[in-house]
Amino acid sequence: MEDLLYVKDMDLHVFSIEKPESKSDEEWKRDHRQVCGFIRQYVGDNVYGLIANETHARSLWEKLESMYASKSGNNKLYLLKSLMNLSYKETTPLLDHLNAFHGILDQLSGVGIKLEDELAALWLLNTLPESWEIFRVSIINSAPDGIVSMQTVKPVMLNEEMRRKMQGSSSQSEVLVTEHRGRNANRDQRGREKSRSKSKSRYKNVECHYCHNTGHIKKNCFKWKRDNKAKGKNEKKDEGGNRVSTADLVDDLIFVTDADVVNAVSDDQSWVIDSGATLHVTPRKEFFTSLKLMFGGSNGVRLF
């Protein structure tokens, strides 16, 4: 408020005892009324009634000082408690917290209590929440000669706030991406269910060659799968030191090739029998010493 009075050129009416010779009594009295009206614009409703009838700027100022800048023990204790209870809440801008901190320091200075710069900086760090503990310890440990100052603490606090905001935005983006992927997964699931429905409708009038019921084919036959599961999924035969494995066909036949493992098109002289795959395809029947016919269709396709 004092700064505003100086900016508006109203400081003489408050801080000067004698009237300037260039002013008449009426002008001086009128100027005091203007200054009083200006000051009353910046006080709260609970205080306005106490100074509503003041017409002399200096008297009004002294009354406000007695309420807000009193050097009594109670007022000093109140300001110290305000400083001790001040804590930074991460939901509010850090600049607002710094302004509140400096406001209390200014009031303490007005009542004759002035904190040293190092003590003020340490107390400012003390107002930070536990989530800032690593930052707080890092600043104190990295201070030259172990002495922190307000000049060094405030900028790094603002930088840390910005870093945390950016990190929070990045985390939020990751959450959104995860949620988006989750929705895609749900859509894929619905898509698979829709495909199954189409598959069932496609075999509506088809007879299974295993159980002779309609509505599905052999590879989707539950009876066929159950019977084969009881026999065992794999049968191994060992003849002449050569081991050949035959597997039941319980699902769609999928053929995956790798140029480094097997090439069924160009490599007609070699065959990797233990490639790690469940099913293999080769046009060279003579590679095997023992084969078991698993499926023989009327269209000439035979699976061993």
C-alpha atoms as a PDB file:
ATOM      1  CA  MET A   1       0.000   0.000   0.000  1.00  0.00           C
ATOM      2  CA  GLU A   2       2.843   2.347   0.783  1.00  0.00           C
ATOM      3  CA  ASP A   3       4.200   1.859  -2.741  1.00  0.00           C
ATOM      4  CA  LEU A   4       0.818   2.761  -4.227  1.00  0.00           C
ATOM      5  CA  LEU A   5       0.748   5.986  -2.246  1.00  0.00           C
ATOM      6  CA  TYR A   6       4.127   6.979  -3.648  1.00  0.00           C
ATOM      7  CA  VAL A   7       3.073   6.077  -7.187  1.00  0.00           C
ATOM      8  CA  LYS A   8      -0.091   8.164  -6.875  1.00  0.00           C
ATOM      9  CA  ASP A   9       1.893  11.044  -5.319  1.00  0.00           C
ATOM     10  CA  MET A  10      -0.157  10.786  -2.113  1.00  0.00           C
ATOM     11  CA  ASP A  11       2.686   9.992   0.264  1.00  0.00           C
ATOM     12  CA  LEU A  12       3.009  13.533   1.674  1.00  0.00           C
ATOM     13  CA  HIS A  13      -0.442  13.404   3.215  1.00  0.00           C
ATOM     14  CA  VAL A  14       0.441  10.250   5.155  1.00  0.00           C
ATOM     15  CA  PHE A  15       4.110  10.584   5.988  1.00  0.00           C
ATOM     16  CA  SER A  16       4.505  14.358   6.247  1.00  0.00           C
ATOM     17  CA  ILE A  17       3.583  16.210   9.436  1.00  0.00           C
ATOM     18  CA  GLU A  18       3.557  19.755   8.141  1.00  0.00           C
ATOM     19  CA  LYS A  19       1.413  21.166   5.346  1.00  0.00           C
ATOM     20  CA  PRO A  20       3.308  22.394   2.274  1.00  0.00           C
ATOM     21  CA  GLU A  21       3.330  26.173   1.939  1.00  0.00           C
ATOM     22  CA  SER A  22       1.976  25.907  -1.598  1.00  0.00           C
ATOM     23  CA  LYS A  23      -1.247  24.322  -0.316  1.00  0.00           C
ATOM     24  CA  SER A  24      -4.092  26.211   1.276  1.00  0.00           C
ATOM     25  CA  ASP A  25      -5.907  24.768   4.282  1.00  0.00           C
ATOM     26  CA  GLU A  26      -8.915  23.870   2.156  1.00  0.00           C
ATOM     27  CA  GLU A  27      -6.777  22.184  -0.508  1.00  0.00           C
ATOM     28  CA  TRP A  28      -4.820  20.271   2.136  1.00  0.00           C
ATOM     29  CA  LYS A  29      -8.022  19.128   3.820  1.00  0.00           C
ATOM     30  CA  ARG A  30      -9.510  18.066   0.487  1.00  0.00           C
ATOM     31  CA  ASP A  31      -6.348  16.146  -0.435  1.00  0.00           C
ATOM     32  CA  HIS A  32      -6.528  14.249   2.882  1.00  0.00           C
ATOM     33  CA  ARG A  33     -10.095  13.197   2.092  1.00  0.00           C
ATOM     34  CA  GLN A  34      -8.980  11.917  -1.313  1.00  0.00           C
ATOM     35  CA  VAL A  35      -6.124   9.895   0.181  1.00  0.00           C
ATOM     36  CA  CYS A  36      -8.433   8.410   2.837  1.00  0.00           C
ATOM     37  CA  GLY A  37     -10.907   7.370   0.146  1.00  0.00           C
ATOM     38  CA  PHE A  38      -8.103   5.822  -1.897  1.00  0.00           C
ATOM     39  CA  ILE A  39      -6.791   3.760   1.034  1.00  0.00           C
ATOM     40  CA  ARG A  40     -10.285   2.571   2.028  1.00  0.00           C
ATOM     41  CA  GLN A  41     -10.659   0.941  -1.413  1.00  0.00           C
ATOM     42  CA  TYR A  42      -8.010  -1.626  -0.461  1.00  0.00           C
ATOM     43  CA  VAL A  43      -9.199  -2.709   3.002  1.00  0.00           C
ATOM     44  CA  GLY A  44     -11.534  -5.573   3.815  1.00  0.00           C
ATOM     45  CA  ASP A  45     -15.152  -5.202   4.852  1.00  0.00           C
ATOM     46  CA  ASN A  46     -14.331  -6.278   8.405  1.00  0.00           C
ATOM     47  CA  VAL A  47     -11.934  -3.331   8.753  1.00  0.00           C
ATOM     48  CA  TYR A  48     -13.787  -0.734   6.707  1.00  0.00           C
ATOM     49  CA  GLY A  49     -16.182   0.143   9.524  1.00  0.00           C
ATOM     50  CA  LEU A  50     -13.276   0.956  11.860  1.00  0.00           C
ATOM     51  CA  ILE A  51     -11.853   3.606   9.526  1.00  0.00           C
ATOM     52  CA  ALA A  52     -14.973   4.758   7.685  1.00  0.00           C
ATOM     53  CA  ASN A  53     -15.145   8.114   9.495  1.00  0.00           C
ATOM     54  CA  GLU A  54     -11.460   9.005   9.253  1.00  0.00           C
ATOM     55  CA  THR A  55     -10.804  12.198   7.243  1.00  0.00           C
ATOM     56  CA  HIS A  56      -7.107  12.660   7.990  1.00  0.00           C
ATOM     57  CA  ALA A  57      -4.784  10.378   6.040  1.00  0.00           C
ATOM     58  CA  ARG A  58      -2.098  10.136   8.705  1.00  0.00           C
ATOM     59  CA  SER A  59      -4.610   9.237  11.433  1.00  0.00           C
ATOM     60  CA  LEU A  60      -6.109   6.555   9.210  1.00  0.00           C
ATOM     61  CA  TRP A  61      -2.650   5.130   8.448  1.00  0.00           C
ATOM     62  CA  GLU A  62      -1.685   4.966  12.114  1.00  0.00           C
ATOM     63  CA  LYS A  63      -4.911   3.155  12.933  1.00  0.00           C
ATOM     64  CA  LEU A  64      -4.193   0.550  10.261  1.00  0.00           C
ATOM     65  CA  GLU A  65      -0.642   0.153  11.556  1.00  0.00           C
ATOM     66  CA  SER A  66      -1.955  -0.512  15.041  1.00  0.00           C
ATOM     67  CA  MET A  67      -4.050  -3.379  13.666  1.00  0.00           C
ATOM     68  CA  TYR A  68      -1.682  -4.943  11.118  1.00  0.00           C
ATOM     69  CA  ALA A  69       1.822  -3.755  11.990  1.00  0.00           C
ATOM     70  CA  SER A  70       1.642  -3.681  15.733  1.00  0.00           C
ATOM     71  CA  LYS A  71       4.915  -4.617  17.398  1.00  0.00           C
ATOM     72  CA  SER A  72       3.119  -6.275  20.258  1.00  0.00           C
ATOM     73  CA  GLY A  73       4.111  -9.756  21.334  1.00  0.00           C
ATOM     74  CA  ASN A  74       0.806 -11.220  20.215  1.00  0.00           C
ATOM     75  CA  ASN A  75       1.172  -9.872  16.680  1.00  0.00           C
ATOM     76  CA  LYS A  76       4.752 -11.144  16.437  1.00  0.00           C
ATOM     77  CA  LEU A  77       3.657 -14.559  17.668  1.00  0.00           C
ATOM     78  CA  TYR A  78       0.817 -14.630  15.137  1.00  0.00           C
ATOM     79  CA  LEU A  79       3.174 -13.858  12.249  1.00  0.00           C
ATOM     80  CA  LEU A  80       5.691 -16.469  13.395  1.00  0.00           C
ATOM     81  CA  LYS A  81       2.941 -19.089  13.603  1.00  0.00           C
ATOM     82  CA  SER A  82       1.802 -18.113  10.113  1.00  0.00           C
ATOM     83  CA  LEU A  83       5.329 -18.703   8.841  1.00  0.00           C
ATOM     84  CA  MET A  84       5.608 -22.045  10.654  1.00  0.00           C
ATOM     85  CA  ASN A  85       2.257 -23.289   9.342  1.00  0.00           C
ATOM     86  CA  LEU A  86       2.885 -22.199   5.764  1.00  0.00           C
ATOM     87  CA  SER A  87       3.275 -25.193   3.430  1.00  0.00           C
ATOM     88  CA  TYR A  88       3.364 -25.553  -0.306  1.00  0.00           C
ATOM     89  CA  LYS A  89       0.465 -27.406  -1.920  1.00  0.00           C
ATOM     90  CA  GLU A  90       1.315 -28.832  -5.321  1.00  0.00           C
ATOM     91  CA  THR A  91      -2.155 -28.008  -6.635  1.00  0.00           C
ATOM     92  CA  THR A  92      -1.344 -24.289  -6.430  1.00  0.00           C
ATOM     93  CA  PRO A  93       1.246 -22.363  -8.487  1.00  0.00           C
ATOM     94  CA  LEU A  94       4.633 -22.122  -6.818  1.00  0.00           C
ATOM     95  CA  LEU A  95       4.736 -18.360  -7.467  1.00  0.00           C
ATOM     96  CA  ASP A  96       1.674 -17.906  -5.244  1.00  0.00           C
ATOM     97  CA  HIS A  97       3.456 -19.805  -2.491  1.00  0.00           C
ATOM     98  CA  LEU A  98       6.581 -17.654  -2.857  1.00  0.00           C
ATOM     99  CA  ASN A  99       4.494 -14.481  -2.706  1.00  0.00           C
ATOM    100  CA  ALA A 100       2.785 -15.667   0.484  1.00  0.00           C
ATOM    101  CA  PHE A 101       6.172 -16.544   2.009  1.00  0.00           C
ATOM    102  CA  HIS A 102       7.654 -13.139   1.183  1.00  0.00           C
ATOM    103  CA  GLY A 103       4.517 -11.417   2.450  1.00  0.00           C
ATOM    104  CA  ILE A 104       4.964 -12.935   5.902  1.00  0.00           C
ATOM    105  CA  LEU A 105       8.675 -12.068   5.881  1.00  0.00           C
ATOM    106  CA  ASP A 106       7.821  -8.455   5.080  1.00  0.00           C
ATOM    107  CA  GLN A 107       5.296  -8.307   7.918  1.00  0.00           C
ATOM    108  CA  LEU A 108       7.829  -9.780  10.320  1.00  0.00           C
ATOM    109  CA  SER A 109      10.354  -7.202   9.203  1.00  0.00           C
ATOM    110  CA  GLY A 110       7.770  -4.502   9.859  1.00  0.00           C
ATOM    111  CA  VAL A 111       7.419  -5.564  13.489  1.00  0.00           C
ATOM    112  CA  GLY A 112      11.175  -5.755  14.003  1.00  0.00           C
ATOM    113  CA  ILE A 113      11.856  -9.435  13.250  1.00  0.00           C
ATOM    114  CA  LYS A 114      14.188  -9.937  10.309  1.00  0.00           C
ATOM    115  CA  LEU A 115      15.299 -13.419   9.286  1.00  0.00           C
ATOM    116  CA  GLU A 116      18.794 -13.884   7.926  1.00  0.00           C
ATOM    117  CA  ASP A 117      18.965 -14.880   4.269  1.00  0.00           C
ATOM    118  CA  GLU A 118      20.233 -18.411   4.967  1.00  0.00           C
ATOM    119  CA  LEU A 119      17.578 -19.039   7.598  1.00  0.00           C
ATOM    120  CA  ALA A 120      14.855 -17.743   5.263  1.00  0.00           C
ATOM    121  CA  ALA A 121      16.089 -20.020   2.448  1.00  0.00           C
ATOM    122  CA  LEU A 122      16.166 -23.072   4.725  1.00  0.00           C
ATOM    123  CA  TRP A 123      12.682 -22.304   5.983  1.00  0.00           C
ATOM    124  CA  LEU A 124      11.417 -21.911   2.426  1.00  0.00           C
ATOM    125  CA  LEU A 125      12.750 -25.393   1.634  1.00  0.00           C
ATOM    126  CA  ASN A 126      11.070 -26.636   4.795  1.00  0.00           C
ATOM    127  CA  THR A 127       7.677 -25.533   3.435  1.00  0.00           C
ATOM    128  CA  LEU A 128       7.956 -28.061   0.588  1.00  0.00           C
ATOM    129  CA  PRO A 129       5.966 -31.334   0.879  1.00  0.00           C
ATOM    130  CA  GLU A 130       7.488 -34.803   1.337  1.00  0.00           C
ATOM    131  CA  SER A 131       7.310 -35.477  -2.400  1.00  0.00           C
ATOM    132  CA  TRP A 132      10.038 -32.842  -2.774  1.00  0.00           C
ATOM    133  CA  GLU A 133      12.323 -34.458  -0.177  1.00  0.00           C
ATOM    134  CA  ILE A 134      14.948 -35.632  -2.685  1.00  0.00           C
ATOM    135  CA  PHE A 135      15.027 -32.180  -4.261  1.00  0.00           C
ATOM    136  CA  ARG A 136      15.346 -30.516  -0.860  1.00  0.00           C
ATOM    137  CA  VAL A 137      18.240 -32.726   0.249  1.00  0.00           C
ATOM    138  CA  SER A 138      19.975 -32.296  -3.107  1.00  0.00           C
ATOM    139  CA  ILE A 139      19.845 -28.486  -2.893  1.00  0.00           C
ATOM    140  CA  ILE A 140      21.187 -28.418   0.656  1.00  0.00           C
ATOM    141  CA  ASN A 141      23.996 -30.898  -0.074  1.00  0.00           C
ATOM    142  CA  SER A 142      25.073 -29.105  -3.253  1.00  0.00           C
ATOM    143  CA  ALA A 143      25.145 -25.618  -1.683  1.00  0.00           C
ATOM    144  CA  PRO A 144      28.611 -23.987  -1.663  1.00  0.00           C
ATOM    145  CA  ASP A 145      30.113 -24.383   1.808  1.00  0.00           C
ATOM    146  CA  GLY A 146      26.748 -25.792   2.907  1.00  0.00           C
ATOM    147  CA  ILE A 147      25.159 -22.313   2.847  1.00  0.00           C
ATOM    148  CA  VAL A 148      21.928 -21.839   0.886  1.00  0.00           C
ATOM    149  CA  SER A 149      20.471 -18.483  -0.077  1.00  0.00           C
ATOM    150  CA  MET A 150      17.135 -17.167  -1.294  1.00  0.00           C
ATOM    151  CA  GLN A 151      18.788 -16.079  -4.526  1.00  0.00           C
ATOM    152  CA  THR A 152      19.774 -19.651  -5.399  1.00  0.00           C
ATOM    153  CA  VAL A 153      16.821 -21.529  -3.906  1.00  0.00           C
ATOM    154  CA  LYS A 154      13.937 -19.721  -5.635  1.00  0.00           C
ATOM    155  CA  PRO A 155      15.094 -20.235  -9.257  1.00  0.00           C
ATOM    156  CA  VAL A 156      15.787 -23.950  -8.807  1.00  0.00           C
ATOM    157  CA  MET A 157      12.405 -24.398  -7.130  1.00  0.00           C
ATOM    158  CA  LEU A 158      10.664 -22.819 -10.122  1.00  0.00           C
ATOM    159  CA  ASN A 159      12.687 -25.009 -12.495  1.00  0.00           C
ATOM    160  CA  GLU A 160      11.748 -28.106 -10.505  1.00  0.00           C
ATOM    161  CA  GLU A 161       8.075 -27.148 -10.654  1.00  0.00           C
ATOM    162  CA  MET A 162       8.302 -26.842 -14.446  1.00  0.00           C
ATOM    163  CA  ARG A 163      10.076 -30.203 -14.713  1.00  0.00           C
ATOM    164  CA  ARG A 164       7.388 -31.899 -12.640  1.00  0.00           C
ATOM    165  CA  LYS A 165       4.647 -30.356 -14.762  1.00  0.00           C
ATOM    166  CA  MET A 166       6.285 -31.629 -17.935  1.00  0.00           C
ATOM    167  CA  GLN A 167       6.782 -35.060 -16.388  1.00  0.00           C
ATOM    168  CA  GLY A 168       3.140 -35.106 -15.324  1.00  0.00           C
ATOM    169  CA  SER A 169       2.009 -34.244 -18.861  1.00  0.00           C
ATOM    170  CA  SER A 170       4.153 -37.045 -20.236  1.00  0.00           C
ATOM    171  CA  SER A 171       2.692 -39.546 -17.744  1.00  0.00           C
ATOM    172  CA  GLN A 172      -0.818 -38.432 -18.590  1.00  0.00           C
ATOM    173  CA  SER A 173      -0.094 -38.975 -22.284  1.00  0.00           C
ATOM    174  CA  GLU A 174       1.126 -42.506 -21.509  1.00  0.00           C
ATOM    175  CA  VAL A 175      -2.094 -43.195 -19.619  1.00  0.00           C
ATOM    176  CA  LEU A 176      -4.140 -41.971 -22.556  1.00  0.00           C
ATOM    177  CA  VAL A 177      -2.171 -44.188 -24.931  1.00  0.00           C
ATOM    178  CA  THR A 178      -2.695 -47.174 -22.635  1.00  0.00           C
ATOM    179  CA  GLU A 179      -6.417 -46.513 -22.446  1.00  0.00           C
ATOM    180  CA  HIS A 180      -6.537 -46.164 -26.224  1.00  0.00           C
ATOM    181  CA  ARG A 181      -4.764 -49.482 -26.631  1.00  0.00           C
ATOM    182  CA  GLY A 182      -7.170 -51.054 -24.196  1.00  0.00           C
ATOM    183  CA  ARG A 183     -10.115 -49.893 -26.246  1.00  0.00           C
ATOM    184  CA  ASN A 184      -8.468 -51.263 -29.373  1.00  0.00           C
ATOM    185  CA  ALA A 185      -8.018 -54.594 -27.628  1.00  0.00           C
ATOM    186  CA  ASN A 186     -11.703 -54.646 -26.778  1.00  0.00           C
ATOM    187  CA  ARG A 187     -12.583 -53.876 -30.351  1.00  0.00           C
ATOM    188  CA  ASP A 188     -10.282 -56.689 -31.503  1.00  0.00           C
ATOM    189  CA  GLN A 189     -12.025 -59.064 -29.115  1.00  0.00           C
ATOM    190  CA  ARG A 190     -15.405 -58.052 -30.485  1.00  0.00           C
ATOM    191  CA  GLY A 191     -13.996 -58.485 -33.963  1.00  0.00           C
ATOM    192  CA  ARG A 192     -12.885 -62.037 -33.181  1.00  0.00           C
ATOM    193  CA  GLU A 193     -16.278 -62.848 -31.734  1.00  0.00           C
ATOM    194  CA  LYS A 194     -17.879 -61.464 -34.861  1.00  0.00           C
ATOM    195  CA  SER A 195     -15.581 -63.638 -36.989  1.00  0.00           C
ATOM    196  CA  ARG A 196     -16.574 -66.716 -34.998  1.00  0.00           C
ATOM    197  CA  SER A 197     -20.226 -65.908 -35.571  1.00  0.00           C
ATOM    198  CA  LYS A 198     -19.616 -65.624 -39.298  1.00  0.00           C
ATOM    199  CA  SER A 199     -17.683 -68.912 -39.230  1.00  0.00           C
ATOM    200  CA  LYS A 200     -20.558 -70.707 -37.505  1.00  0.00           C
ATOM    201  CA  SER A 201     -23.094 -69.382 -39.965  1.00  0.00           C
ATOM    202  CA  ARG A 202     -20.854 -70.464 -42.868  1.00  0.00           C
ATOM    203  CA  TYR A 203     -20.900 -74.120 -41.719  1.00  0.00           C
ATOM    204  CA  LYS A 204     -24.599 -74.093 -40.910  1.00  0.00           C
ATOM    205  CA  ASN A 205     -25.465 -76.857 -43.406  1.00  0.00           C
ATOM    206  CA  VAL A 206     -22.067 -78.624 -43.443  1.00  0.00           C
ATOM    207  CA  GLU A 207     -21.766 -82.136 -41.980  1.00  0.00           C
ATOM    208  CA  CYS A 208     -18.771 -83.038 -39.821  1.00  0.00           C
ATOM    209  CA  HIS A 209     -16.959 -86.135 -41.172  1.00  0.00           C
ATOM    210  CA  TYR A 210     -16.082 -87.260 -37.650  1.00  0.00           C
ATOM    211  CA  CYS A 211     -19.268 -86.975 -35.581  1.00  0.00           C
ATOM    212  CA  HIS A 212     -21.648 -86.579 -38.574  1.00  0.00           C
ATOM    213  CA  ASN A 213     -23.415 -83.624 -36.982  1.00  0.00           C
ATOM    214  CA  THR A 214     -24.070 -80.446 -38.949  1.00  0.00           C
ATOM    215  CA  GLY A 215     -22.901 -76.929 -38.170  1.00  0.00           C
ATOM    216  CA  HIS A 216     -19.138 -77.443 -38.079  1.00  0.00           C
ATOM    217  CA  ILE A 217     -16.206 -79.163 -39.731  1.00  0.00           C
ATOM    218  CA  LYS A 218     -13.835 -81.735 -38.301  1.00  0.00           C
ATOM    219  CA  LYS A 219     -11.144 -79.329 -37.112  1.00  0.00           C
ATOM    220  CA  ASN A 220     -13.772 -77.554 -34.980  1.00  0.00           C
ATOM    221  CA  CYS A 221     -15.405 -80.752 -33.745  1.00  0.00           C
ATOM    222  CA  PHE A 222     -15.452 -80.930 -29.944  1.00  0.00           C
ATOM    223  CA  LYS A 223     -15.835 -84.738 -29.977  1.00  0.00           C
ATOM    224  CA  TRP A 224     -12.819 -85.142 -32.243  1.00  0.00           C
ATOM    225  CA  LYS A 225     -10.716 -82.841 -30.053  1.00  0.00           C
ATOM    226  CA  ARG A 226     -11.802 -84.633 -26.891  1.00  0.00           C
ATOM    227  CA  ASP A 227     -11.039 -88.082 -28.309  1.00  0.00           C
ATOM    228  CA  ASN A 228      -7.617 -87.030 -29.552  1.00  0.00           C
ATOM    229  CA  LYS A 229      -6.805 -85.336 -26.282  1.00  0.00           C
ATOM    230  CA  ALA A 230      -7.413 -88.629 -24.496  1.00  0.00           C
ATOM    231  CA  LYS A 231      -5.004 -90.425 -26.798  1.00  0.00           C
ATOM    232  CA  GLY A 232      -2.327 -87.822 -26.275  1.00  0.00           C
ATOM    233  CA  LYS A 233      -1.366 -84.902 -28.379  1.00  0.00           C
ATOM    234  CA  ASN A 234       1.969 -86.345 -29.489  1.00  0.00           C
ATOM    235  CA  GLU A 235       3.028 -89.848 -30.468  1.00  0.00           C
ATOM    236  CA  LYS A 236       6.721 -90.591 -30.799  1.00  0.00           C
ATOM    237  CA  LYS A 237       8.253 -93.484 -32.659  1.00  0.00           C
ATOM    238  CA  ASP A 238      11.914 -94.420 -32.708  1.00  0.00           C
ATOM    239  CA  GLU A 239      13.001 -96.580 -35.660  1.00  0.00           C
ATOM    240  CA  GLY A 240      16.676 -97.097 -36.625  1.00  0.00           C
ATOM    241  CA  GLY A 241      17.851 -94.238 -34.474  1.00  0.00           C
ATOM    242  CA  ASN A 242      15.644 -91.785 -36.383  1.00  0.00           C
ATOM    243  CA  ARG A 243      12.984 -90.032 -34.340  1.00  0.00           C
ATOM    244  CA  VAL A 244       9.838 -88.838 -36.065  1.00  0.00           C
ATOM    245  CA  SER A 245       7.106 -86.922 -34.242  1.00  0.00           C
ATOM    246  CA  THR A 246       3.517 -86.776 -35.385  1.00  0.00           C
ATOM    247  CA  ALA A 247       1.053 -84.299 -33.933  1.00  0.00           C
ATOM    248  CA  ASP A 248      -2.716 -84.138 -33.956  1.00  0.00           C
ATOM    249  CA  LEU A 249      -4.185 -81.366 -36.052  1.00  0.00           C
ATOM    250  CA  VAL A 250      -6.402 -79.476 -33.615  1.00  0.00           C
ATOM    251  CA  ASP A 251      -6.530 -76.075 -35.221  1.00  0.00           C
ATOM    252  CA  ASP A 252      -5.851 -74.208 -38.459  1.00  0.00           C
ATOM    253  CA  LEU A 253      -2.673 -75.264 -40.262  1.00  0.00           C
ATOM    254  CA  ILE A 254      -0.161 -72.410 -40.172  1.00  0.00           C
ATOM    255  CA  PHE A 255       3.104 -72.604 -42.085  1.00  0.00           C
ATOM    256  CA  VAL A 256       5.903 -70.189 -41.127  1.00  0.00           C
ATOM    257  CA  THR A 257       9.185 -70.244 -43.003  1.00  0.00           C
ATOM    258  CA  ASP A 258      12.565 -68.738 -42.295  1.00  0.00           C
ATOM    259  CA  ALA A 259      15.263 -68.526 -44.933  1.00  0.00           C
ATOM    260  CA  ASP A 260      17.898 -69.477 -42.385  1.00  0.00           C
ATOM    261  CA  VAL A 261      15.952 -72.537 -41.190  1.00  0.00           C
ATOM    262  CA  VAL A 262      14.112 -74.102 -44.106  1.00  0.00           C
ATOM    263  CA  ASN A 263      13.103 -72.984 -47.577  1.00  0.00           C
ATOM    264  CA  ALA A 264      10.519 -75.328 -49.053  1.00  0.00           C
ATOM    265  CA  VAL A 265      10.774 -73.704 -52.484  1.00  0.00           C
ATOM    266  CA  SER A 266      14.469 -73.538 -53.314  1.00  0.00           C
ATOM    267  CA  ASP A 267      16.149 -75.945 -50.866  1.00  0.00           C
ATOM    268  CA  ASP A 268      15.248 -79.460 -52.014  1.00  0.00           C
ATOM    269  CA  GLN A 269      18.231 -81.261 -50.481  1.00  0.00           C
ATOM    270  CA  SER A 270      18.068 -80.349 -46.773  1.00  0.00           C
ATOM    271  CA  TRP A 271      15.415 -80.622 -44.081  1.00  0.00           C
ATOM    272  CA  VAL A 272      15.595 -79.357 -40.493  1.00  0.00           C
ATOM    273  CA  ILE A 273      13.469 -81.828 -38.577  1.00  0.00           C
ATOM    274  CA  ASP A 274      13.792 -80.095 -35.182  1.00  0.00           C
ATOM    275  CA  SER A 275      13.155 -76.447 -36.008  1.00  0.00           C
ATOM    276  CA  GLY A 276      10.989 -75.822 -32.950  1.00  0.00           C
ATOM    277  CA  ALA A 277       7.785 -75.489 -34.976  1.00  0.00           C
ATOM    278  CA  THR A 278       4.704 -77.592 -34.236  1.00  0.00           C
ATOM    279  CA  LEU A 279       3.876 -78.340 -37.865  1.00  0.00           C
ATOM    280  CA  HIS A 280       6.166 -78.623 -40.900  1.00  0.00           C
ATOM    281  CA  VAL A 281       5.587 -78.748 -44.633  1.00  0.00           C
ATOM    282  CA  THR A 282       7.863 -80.369 -47.190  1.00  0.00           C
ATOM    283  CA  PRO A 283       7.337 -81.777 -50.677  1.00  0.00           C
ATOM    284  CA  ARG A 284       9.990 -84.493 -50.098  1.00  0.00           C
ATOM    285  CA  LYS A 285       8.326 -87.559 -48.610  1.00  0.00           C
ATOM    286  CA  GLU A 286      11.510 -89.612 -49.013  1.00  0.00           C
ATOM    287  CA  PHE A 287      13.188 -87.590 -46.254  1.00  0.00           C
ATOM    288  CA  PHE A 288      11.241 -89.654 -43.686  1.00  0.00           C
ATOM    289  CA  THR A 289      11.633 -93.289 -42.681  1.00  0.00           C
ATOM    290  CA  SER A 290       8.287 -93.464 -40.873  1.00  0.00           C
ATOM    291  CA  LEU A 291       5.054 -91.602 -41.628  1.00  0.00           C
ATOM    292  CA  LYS A 292       1.548 -91.780 -40.222  1.00  0.00           C
ATOM    293  CA  LEU A 293      -1.393 -90.663 -42.313  1.00  0.00           C
ATOM    294  CA  MET A 294      -3.412 -88.095 -40.362  1.00  0.00           C
ATOM    295  CA  PHE A 295      -5.776 -86.831 -43.021  1.00  0.00           C
ATOM    296  CA  GLY A 296      -6.590 -87.815 -46.601  1.00  0.00           C
ATOM    297  CA  GLY A 297      -9.067 -85.682 -48.470  1.00  0.00           C
ATOM    298  CA  SER A 298     -10.970 -86.446 -51.672  1.00  0.00           C
ATOM    299  CA  ASN A 299      -9.238 -83.498 -53.315  1.00  0.00           C
ATOM    300  CA  GLY A 300      -5.883 -85.257 -53.152  1.00  0.00           C
ATOM    301  CA  VAL A 301      -4.486 -83.357 -50.168  1.00  0.00           C
ATOM    302  CA  ARG A 302      -2.867 -85.722 -47.672  1.00  0.00           C
ATOM    303  CA  LEU A 303      -1.364 -84.848 -44.275  1.00  0.00           C
ATOM    304  CA  PHE A 304       1.090 -87.141 -42.461  1.00  0.00           C
END
